[in-house]
Amino acid sequence: MFRYSKLKYKKYGYIILLLLISYSCKKDVSVSEKRITAIAFGSCGSQWRPDWSIFNSILDKKPDLYIALGDNMYADVEGLEDQPFYPFFVDFGYQVLGQNKIFGKFKKQVPIIATWDDHDYGKNNGGNEFLYKQEAKNAFMKFWNVSSDNDMRSREGVYSAYYYGEGNQRIQILMLDTRWFLDVISDEPIAATTDASKKILGEPEWLWLEEELKKPAAIRIIGSSTQFCTEHNGYEAWANYPLEMERFYSTIRKTKAEGVFFISGDVHYAEINKRKVEGLYPIYDATSSGLTHMEDPAKPSIYRIGDPYTNLNFGMLRIDWDANPISIKQEIYSQSGDLVLSHQILLNELKF
């Protein structure tokens, strides 16, 4: 009798466990068992620009996923940021982008994950002082189809985690929010600060990041709207907050997270940077920016690999799981789809 009860209890315990796993997977829309080998990424596309043909070129590369790294549309109107009607501009910006036929076709065919930067956040170079960031977040979640049970809805900001593949082919993508908690230092040119009270990420985001980096993954892609590895040049970048950079390094060391590298946008040119960090493996940052328009020339960076590319561009990550060791190719393509920059990382390079 005792044996039967124990077995019965064990049987129903397994059923409950399976139900819990099923519910968890159903709720966690950021987990996919699909193996990913080709990831496209880009930033800085203005819905007011007529030429979005670059997304046809991205589609031709047959990506498994597209990462939108911010300034995915332009909604900021300088001088009106404190007006009660201001949220209209963010909503309207997404409405115009939603009517774009080329982007609409792309969005239907390729899964997209996104974060924002200042222009789709709603305030040029804006940070935590922006009055309508919650309204901007609501518009962001609506346009990017964030589900009603996604954790993003219950916390500040739009940072989020995504997982693809299984076992030794699992990819973790951590999309940072570099706007919601940002303490703005000054107008451009921006002086780097050693004030420990000045933050890029808020404490809730740091705690989330640490917990995510403890989870198993072979490759960890950090999506940051602003550049991580470039040198300080007076424009927005992590280099303006060296203590925040050091905290990121310390978090990687503390969690013993291997396979970490960055992708970024914002600057209206493309480049690949590499920093050598004491007590850590090299940190790479592949930047792709300028989907529909270009602005200022490339800024200097002592960490740059090769030359920058200063025309319209998009990025690709190509992962060869069958290579020994596993390789990751960081690639930059022109508007017409020609390869213009390339660098290969061997995964065993990103280990302690």
Protein backbone atom coordinates (compact mmCIF):
# COMPACT_ATOMS: atom_id res chain seq x y z
CA MET A 1 0.00 0.00 0.00
CA PHE A 2 2.79 2.38 0.91
CA ARG A 3 4.65 1.49 -2.30
CA TYR A 4 1.54 2.15 -4.41
CA SER A 5 0.98 5.54 -2.75
CA LYS A 6 4.58 6.51 -3.30
CA LEU A 7 4.44 5.58 -6.97
CA LYS A 8 1.13 7.36 -7.36
CA TYR A 9 2.56 10.45 -5.74
CA LYS A 10 5.63 10.24 -7.99
CA LYS A 11 3.42 9.85 -11.06
CA TYR A 12 1.31 12.89 -10.27
CA GLY A 13 4.44 14.81 -9.30
CA TYR A 14 5.78 14.29 -12.81
CA ILE A 15 2.46 15.42 -14.30
CA ILE A 16 2.51 18.60 -12.22
CA LEU A 17 6.13 19.22 -13.19
CA LEU A 18 5.31 18.82 -16.88
CA LEU A 19 2.37 21.19 -16.56
CA LEU A 20 4.58 23.76 -14.86
CA ILE A 21 7.21 23.44 -17.59
CA SER A 22 4.52 23.73 -20.25
CA TYR A 23 3.08 26.85 -18.62
CA SER A 24 6.52 28.38 -18.21
CA CYS A 25 7.39 27.84 -21.86
CA LYS A 26 4.04 29.20 -22.93
CA LYS A 27 4.54 32.34 -20.91
CA ASP A 28 8.21 32.85 -21.70
CA VAL A 29 7.92 33.91 -25.34
CA SER A 30 11.66 34.68 -25.37
CA VAL A 31 12.70 31.01 -25.47
CA SER A 32 12.98 29.09 -28.73
CA GLU A 33 14.50 25.69 -29.43
CA LYS A 34 15.33 26.73 -33.00
CA ARG A 35 19.04 26.64 -33.84
CA ILE A 36 20.21 30.06 -35.04
CA THR A 37 23.03 30.46 -37.58
CA ALA A 38 22.42 33.87 -39.21
CA ILE A 39 21.48 37.04 -37.32
CA ALA A 40 21.03 40.43 -39.00
CA PHE A 41 21.21 43.69 -37.07
CA GLY A 42 21.06 47.41 -37.69
CA SER A 43 20.02 50.83 -36.39
CA CYS A 44 19.05 54.35 -37.38
CA GLY A 45 16.16 54.12 -39.82
CA SER A 46 14.02 57.21 -40.25
CA GLN A 47 10.40 56.61 -41.22
CA TRP A 48 10.54 59.96 -43.03
CA ARG A 49 13.21 58.79 -45.48
CA PRO A 50 11.87 57.39 -48.77
CA ASP A 51 14.47 54.67 -49.39
CA TRP A 52 14.10 51.57 -47.22
CA SER A 53 15.40 49.20 -49.90
CA ILE A 54 18.19 48.09 -47.57
CA PHE A 55 15.66 45.76 -45.94
CA ASN A 56 15.32 43.94 -49.26
CA SER A 57 19.08 43.37 -49.13
CA ILE A 58 18.82 42.12 -45.55
CA LEU A 59 16.02 39.75 -46.58
CA ASP A 60 18.22 38.38 -49.38
CA LYS A 61 20.72 37.21 -46.73
CA LYS A 62 18.00 34.94 -45.26
CA PRO A 63 18.54 35.81 -41.58
CA ASP A 64 16.98 33.65 -38.88
CA LEU A 65 16.50 36.79 -36.78
CA TYR A 66 16.80 40.57 -37.01
CA ILE A 67 17.97 42.66 -34.06
CA ALA A 68 16.76 46.29 -34.11
CA LEU A 69 19.31 48.19 -32.04
CA GLY A 70 17.50 51.50 -31.61
CA ASP A 71 16.61 54.65 -33.48
CA ASN A 72 14.31 52.27 -35.29
CA MET A 73 12.25 55.33 -36.13
CA TYR A 74 12.58 59.04 -35.28
CA ALA A 75 9.98 60.58 -32.98
CA ASP A 76 11.83 63.28 -31.04
CA VAL A 77 10.88 66.92 -31.57
CA GLU A 78 13.35 69.21 -29.85
CA GLY A 79 11.86 71.86 -27.57
CA LEU A 80 8.46 70.18 -27.13
CA GLU A 81 9.48 67.28 -24.86
CA ASP A 82 7.57 68.65 -21.85
CA GLN A 83 4.29 69.32 -23.65
CA PRO A 84 1.25 67.15 -22.78
CA PHE A 85 0.60 66.32 -26.44
CA TYR A 86 4.19 65.04 -26.91
CA PRO A 87 3.39 61.28 -26.73
CA PHE A 88 1.49 61.76 -30.00
CA PHE A 89 4.78 62.13 -31.85
CA VAL A 90 6.01 58.73 -30.67
CA ASP A 91 2.74 57.02 -31.58
CA PHE A 92 2.64 58.73 -34.94
CA GLY A 93 6.24 57.77 -35.70
CA TYR A 94 5.41 54.10 -35.27
CA GLN A 95 2.24 54.52 -37.34
CA VAL A 96 4.25 55.91 -40.25
CA LEU A 97 6.83 53.13 -39.96
CA GLY A 98 4.03 50.59 -39.85
CA GLN A 99 2.79 51.85 -43.21
CA ASN A 100 6.17 51.31 -44.86
CA LYS A 101 5.61 48.50 -47.39
CA ILE A 102 9.21 47.30 -47.56
CA PHE A 103 9.63 47.17 -43.79
CA GLY A 104 6.15 45.66 -43.41
CA LYS A 105 7.09 42.83 -45.79
CA PHE A 106 10.33 42.27 -43.89
CA LYS A 107 8.60 42.26 -40.51
CA LYS A 108 6.20 39.55 -41.70
CA GLN A 109 8.99 37.27 -42.89
CA VAL A 110 11.76 37.69 -40.30
CA PRO A 111 11.41 37.51 -36.49
CA ILE A 112 12.51 40.79 -34.90
CA ILE A 113 13.66 41.64 -31.39
CA ALA A 114 14.27 45.27 -30.47
CA THR A 115 15.53 47.82 -28.03
CA TRP A 116 15.44 51.59 -28.41
CA ASP A 117 17.81 54.54 -28.50
CA ASP A 118 17.16 58.23 -27.98
CA HIS A 119 15.16 59.02 -31.13
CA ASP A 120 12.57 56.25 -30.74
CA TYR A 121 12.73 56.72 -26.96
CA GLY A 122 11.42 60.19 -27.73
CA LYS A 123 14.13 62.65 -26.68
CA ASN A 124 17.43 63.36 -28.39
CA ASN A 125 20.25 62.26 -26.06
CA GLY A 126 17.54 61.75 -23.44
CA GLY A 127 17.70 59.73 -20.26
CA ASN A 128 15.80 59.21 -17.02
CA GLU A 129 14.58 62.82 -16.98
CA PHE A 130 12.27 62.29 -19.98
CA LEU A 131 8.70 62.95 -18.81
CA TYR A 132 6.93 60.64 -21.24
CA LYS A 133 9.10 57.55 -21.16
CA GLN A 134 6.23 55.35 -19.96
CA GLU A 135 4.05 56.47 -22.85
CA ALA A 136 6.99 55.83 -25.20
CA LYS A 137 7.40 52.36 -23.70
CA ASN A 138 3.71 51.62 -24.25
CA ALA A 139 4.07 52.58 -27.92
CA PHE A 140 7.24 50.47 -28.21
CA MET A 141 5.54 47.37 -26.79
CA LYS A 142 2.52 47.84 -29.04
CA PHE A 143 4.55 48.19 -32.23
CA TRP A 144 6.93 45.32 -31.46
CA ASN A 145 4.08 43.04 -30.36
CA VAL A 146 5.29 42.46 -26.81
CA SER A 147 2.86 39.95 -25.31
CA SER A 148 0.65 40.82 -22.37
CA ASP A 149 2.43 38.35 -20.05
CA ASN A 150 5.98 39.37 -20.99
CA ASP A 151 8.08 40.46 -18.00
CA MET A 152 8.88 43.72 -19.77
CA ARG A 153 5.39 44.96 -18.95
CA SER A 154 5.91 44.70 -15.21
CA ARG A 155 9.28 46.41 -14.92
CA GLU A 156 10.88 49.73 -15.83
CA GLY A 157 12.49 50.01 -19.24
CA VAL A 158 12.54 47.71 -22.25
CA TYR A 159 15.53 45.48 -21.46
CA SER A 160 14.85 41.83 -22.27
CA ALA A 161 16.44 38.39 -22.70
CA TYR A 162 16.03 35.93 -25.57
CA TYR A 163 17.24 32.36 -25.93
CA TYR A 164 17.63 30.27 -29.07
CA GLY A 165 18.82 26.70 -29.50
CA GLU A 166 19.66 24.06 -26.94
CA GLY A 167 22.64 22.66 -25.07
CA ASN A 168 26.02 23.56 -26.54
CA GLN A 169 24.28 25.46 -29.36
CA ARG A 170 22.30 27.79 -27.13
CA ILE A 171 22.46 31.52 -27.86
CA GLN A 172 21.57 34.12 -25.25
CA ILE A 173 20.71 37.61 -26.52
CA LEU A 174 20.47 40.32 -23.86
CA MET A 175 18.92 43.53 -25.14
CA LEU A 176 19.92 46.41 -22.88
CA ASP A 177 17.97 49.58 -22.22
CA THR A 178 20.52 52.41 -22.15
CA ARG A 179 17.89 55.18 -21.87
CA TRP A 180 15.36 54.58 -19.09
CA PHE A 181 17.83 54.85 -16.16
CA LEU A 182 20.49 56.98 -17.90
CA ASP A 183 21.91 59.92 -15.99
CA VAL A 184 22.69 62.43 -18.72
CA ILE A 185 26.06 64.09 -18.09
CA SER A 186 26.06 67.06 -20.46
CA ASP A 187 25.46 68.15 -24.02
CA GLU A 188 27.89 67.12 -26.74
CA PRO A 189 30.84 67.13 -26.64
CA ILE A 190 30.37 64.91 -23.58
CA ALA A 191 33.07 64.71 -20.93
CA ALA A 192 33.69 61.30 -19.36
CA THR A 193 32.67 61.13 -15.70
CA THR A 194 34.07 59.31 -12.69
CA ASP A 195 31.04 60.24 -10.61
CA ALA A 196 29.85 56.88 -9.26
CA SER A 197 26.30 58.19 -8.96
CA LYS A 198 26.00 58.61 -12.74
CA LYS A 199 24.51 55.50 -14.33
CA ILE A 200 23.69 54.03 -17.72
CA LEU A 201 21.83 51.02 -16.35
CA GLY A 202 19.68 51.25 -13.25
CA GLU A 203 20.06 48.87 -10.31
CA PRO A 204 17.10 46.67 -11.38
CA GLU A 205 18.69 46.24 -14.82
CA TRP A 206 22.08 45.42 -13.33
CA LEU A 207 20.54 42.77 -11.09
CA TRP A 208 18.64 41.32 -14.04
CA LEU A 209 21.82 41.26 -16.14
CA GLU A 210 23.76 39.41 -13.46
CA GLU A 211 21.07 36.76 -13.09
CA GLU A 212 20.82 36.27 -16.85
CA LEU A 213 24.58 35.87 -17.24
CA LYS A 214 24.47 33.01 -14.72
CA LYS A 215 22.22 31.02 -17.06
CA PRO A 216 23.83 28.50 -19.41
CA ALA A 217 24.60 29.57 -22.98
CA ALA A 218 27.36 28.95 -25.51
CA ILE A 219 27.18 32.39 -27.13
CA ARG A 220 26.05 35.57 -25.40
CA ILE A 221 25.19 38.58 -27.54
CA ILE A 222 24.75 41.91 -25.75
CA GLY A 223 22.61 44.34 -27.74
CA SER A 224 23.47 47.91 -26.73
CA SER A 225 22.02 50.90 -28.54
CA THR A 226 25.21 52.89 -27.84
CA GLN A 227 28.75 51.69 -28.51
CA PHE A 228 30.54 49.75 -25.80
CA CYS A 229 34.14 49.32 -27.02
CA THR A 230 34.93 52.59 -28.78
CA GLU A 231 37.24 55.12 -27.16
CA HIS A 232 35.90 58.32 -25.63
CA ASN A 233 35.26 60.83 -28.42
CA GLY A 234 32.78 63.34 -26.99
CA TYR A 235 29.66 61.60 -28.30
CA GLU A 236 27.30 59.19 -26.59
CA ALA A 237 29.01 55.90 -25.69
CA TRP A 238 29.79 53.72 -22.71
CA ALA A 239 33.23 55.35 -22.69
CA ASN A 240 31.60 58.41 -21.08
CA TYR A 241 30.91 56.22 -18.02
CA PRO A 242 34.13 54.27 -17.32
CA LEU A 243 32.86 53.08 -13.93
CA GLU A 244 29.80 51.57 -15.61
CA MET A 245 32.10 49.82 -18.09
CA GLU A 246 34.15 48.42 -15.24
CA ARG A 247 30.99 47.20 -13.54
CA PHE A 248 30.09 45.35 -16.73
CA TYR A 249 33.51 43.71 -16.80
CA SER A 250 33.18 42.83 -13.12
CA THR A 251 29.74 41.32 -13.71
CA ILE A 252 31.14 39.08 -16.45
CA ARG A 253 34.00 38.01 -14.17
CA LYS A 254 31.69 37.44 -11.20
CA THR A 255 29.25 35.29 -13.16
CA LYS A 256 32.07 33.56 -15.11
CA ALA A 257 29.99 34.16 -18.23
CA GLU A 258 31.89 33.08 -21.33
CA GLY A 259 31.09 33.80 -24.96
CA VAL A 260 30.12 37.46 -24.42
CA PHE A 261 30.38 40.07 -27.17
CA PHE A 262 28.49 43.25 -28.11
CA ILE A 263 26.61 44.59 -31.08
CA SER A 264 25.66 48.28 -31.16
CA GLY A 265 24.35 51.15 -33.29
CA ASP A 266 23.69 54.91 -33.03
CA VAL A 267 26.71 56.51 -34.75
CA HIS A 268 25.77 56.42 -38.47
CA TYR A 269 28.75 54.39 -39.59
CA ALA A 270 29.91 50.79 -39.14
CA GLU A 271 33.01 49.46 -37.43
CA ILE A 272 34.32 46.63 -35.27
CA ASN A 273 36.13 47.40 -32.01
CA LYS A 274 38.04 45.13 -29.65
CA ARG A 275 39.14 45.88 -26.10
CA LYS A 276 41.67 43.84 -24.13
CA VAL A 277 40.58 43.78 -20.50
CA GLU A 278 42.66 42.70 -17.52
CA GLY A 279 41.45 39.44 -16.02
CA LEU A 280 38.99 38.89 -18.86
CA TYR A 281 38.94 37.63 -22.41
CA PRO A 282 38.81 40.20 -25.27
CA ILE A 283 35.53 42.10 -25.63
CA TYR A 284 34.31 42.77 -29.17
CA ASP A 285 31.71 45.28 -30.34
CA ALA A 286 30.36 45.20 -33.91
CA THR A 287 28.57 48.45 -34.75
CA SER A 288 26.08 48.85 -37.58
CA SER A 289 24.35 52.18 -38.02
CA GLY A 290 22.74 54.05 -40.85
CA LEU A 291 19.91 52.08 -42.44
CA THR A 292 18.36 55.04 -44.25
CA HIS A 293 20.70 58.01 -43.80
CA MET A 294 24.21 59.05 -42.77
CA GLU A 295 25.39 62.00 -40.69
CA ASP A 296 28.84 62.90 -39.37
CA PRO A 297 32.09 61.18 -40.42
CA ALA A 298 33.49 58.32 -38.34
CA LYS A 299 35.12 59.27 -35.04
CA PRO A 300 38.56 57.96 -34.03
CA SER A 301 38.94 54.76 -32.03
CA ILE A 302 42.19 53.15 -30.95
CA TYR A 303 40.24 49.91 -30.46
CA ARG A 304 38.99 49.69 -34.05
CA ILE A 305 39.84 46.65 -36.17
CA GLY A 306 40.53 47.83 -39.72
CA ASP A 307 38.64 50.78 -41.18
CA PRO A 308 35.14 52.14 -40.56
CA TYR A 309 32.48 51.99 -43.26
CA THR A 310 30.69 55.30 -43.78
CA ASN A 311 27.77 54.52 -46.08
CA LEU A 312 24.38 52.90 -45.46
CA ASN A 313 24.90 49.49 -43.91
CA PHE A 314 23.57 46.54 -41.95
CA GLY A 315 25.30 43.86 -39.91
CA MET A 316 25.27 40.07 -39.92
CA LEU A 317 26.48 37.48 -37.43
CA ARG A 318 27.14 34.07 -38.99
CA ILE A 319 27.66 31.20 -36.59
CA ASP A 320 29.33 27.99 -37.74
CA TRP A 321 28.33 25.43 -35.13
CA ASP A 322 30.07 22.63 -37.04
CA ALA A 323 33.49 24.29 -37.05
CA ASN A 324 36.05 23.24 -34.46
CA PRO A 325 36.31 25.57 -32.66
CA ILE A 326 32.90 27.19 -33.26
CA SER A 327 33.31 30.43 -35.21
CA ILE A 328 31.35 33.68 -35.29
CA LYS A 329 31.76 35.97 -38.28
CA GLN A 330 30.94 39.63 -37.71
CA GLU A 331 30.02 41.10 -41.07
CA ILE A 332 28.97 44.51 -42.37
CA TYR A 333 27.14 44.84 -45.69
CA SER A 334 26.44 47.83 -47.90
CA GLN A 335 22.95 48.99 -48.81
CA SER A 336 23.05 46.78 -51.92
CA GLY A 337 24.22 43.74 -49.96
CA ASP A 338 27.95 43.74 -50.70
CA LEU A 339 30.31 42.60 -47.94
CA VAL A 340 32.42 45.58 -46.81
CA LEU A 341 33.78 44.59 -43.37
CA SER A 342 34.38 41.19 -41.80
CA HIS A 343 36.06 39.76 -38.72
CA GLN A 344 36.00 36.22 -37.39
CA ILE A 345 35.86 35.35 -33.69
CA LEU A 346 36.66 31.83 -32.55
CA LEU A 347 34.44 30.96 -29.62
CA ASN A 348 37.33 29.48 -27.63
CA GLU A 349 38.81 33.00 -27.64
CA LEU A 350 35.93 34.19 -25.44
CA LYS A 351 36.83 32.05 -22.45
CA PHE A 352 38.55 32.63 -19.13
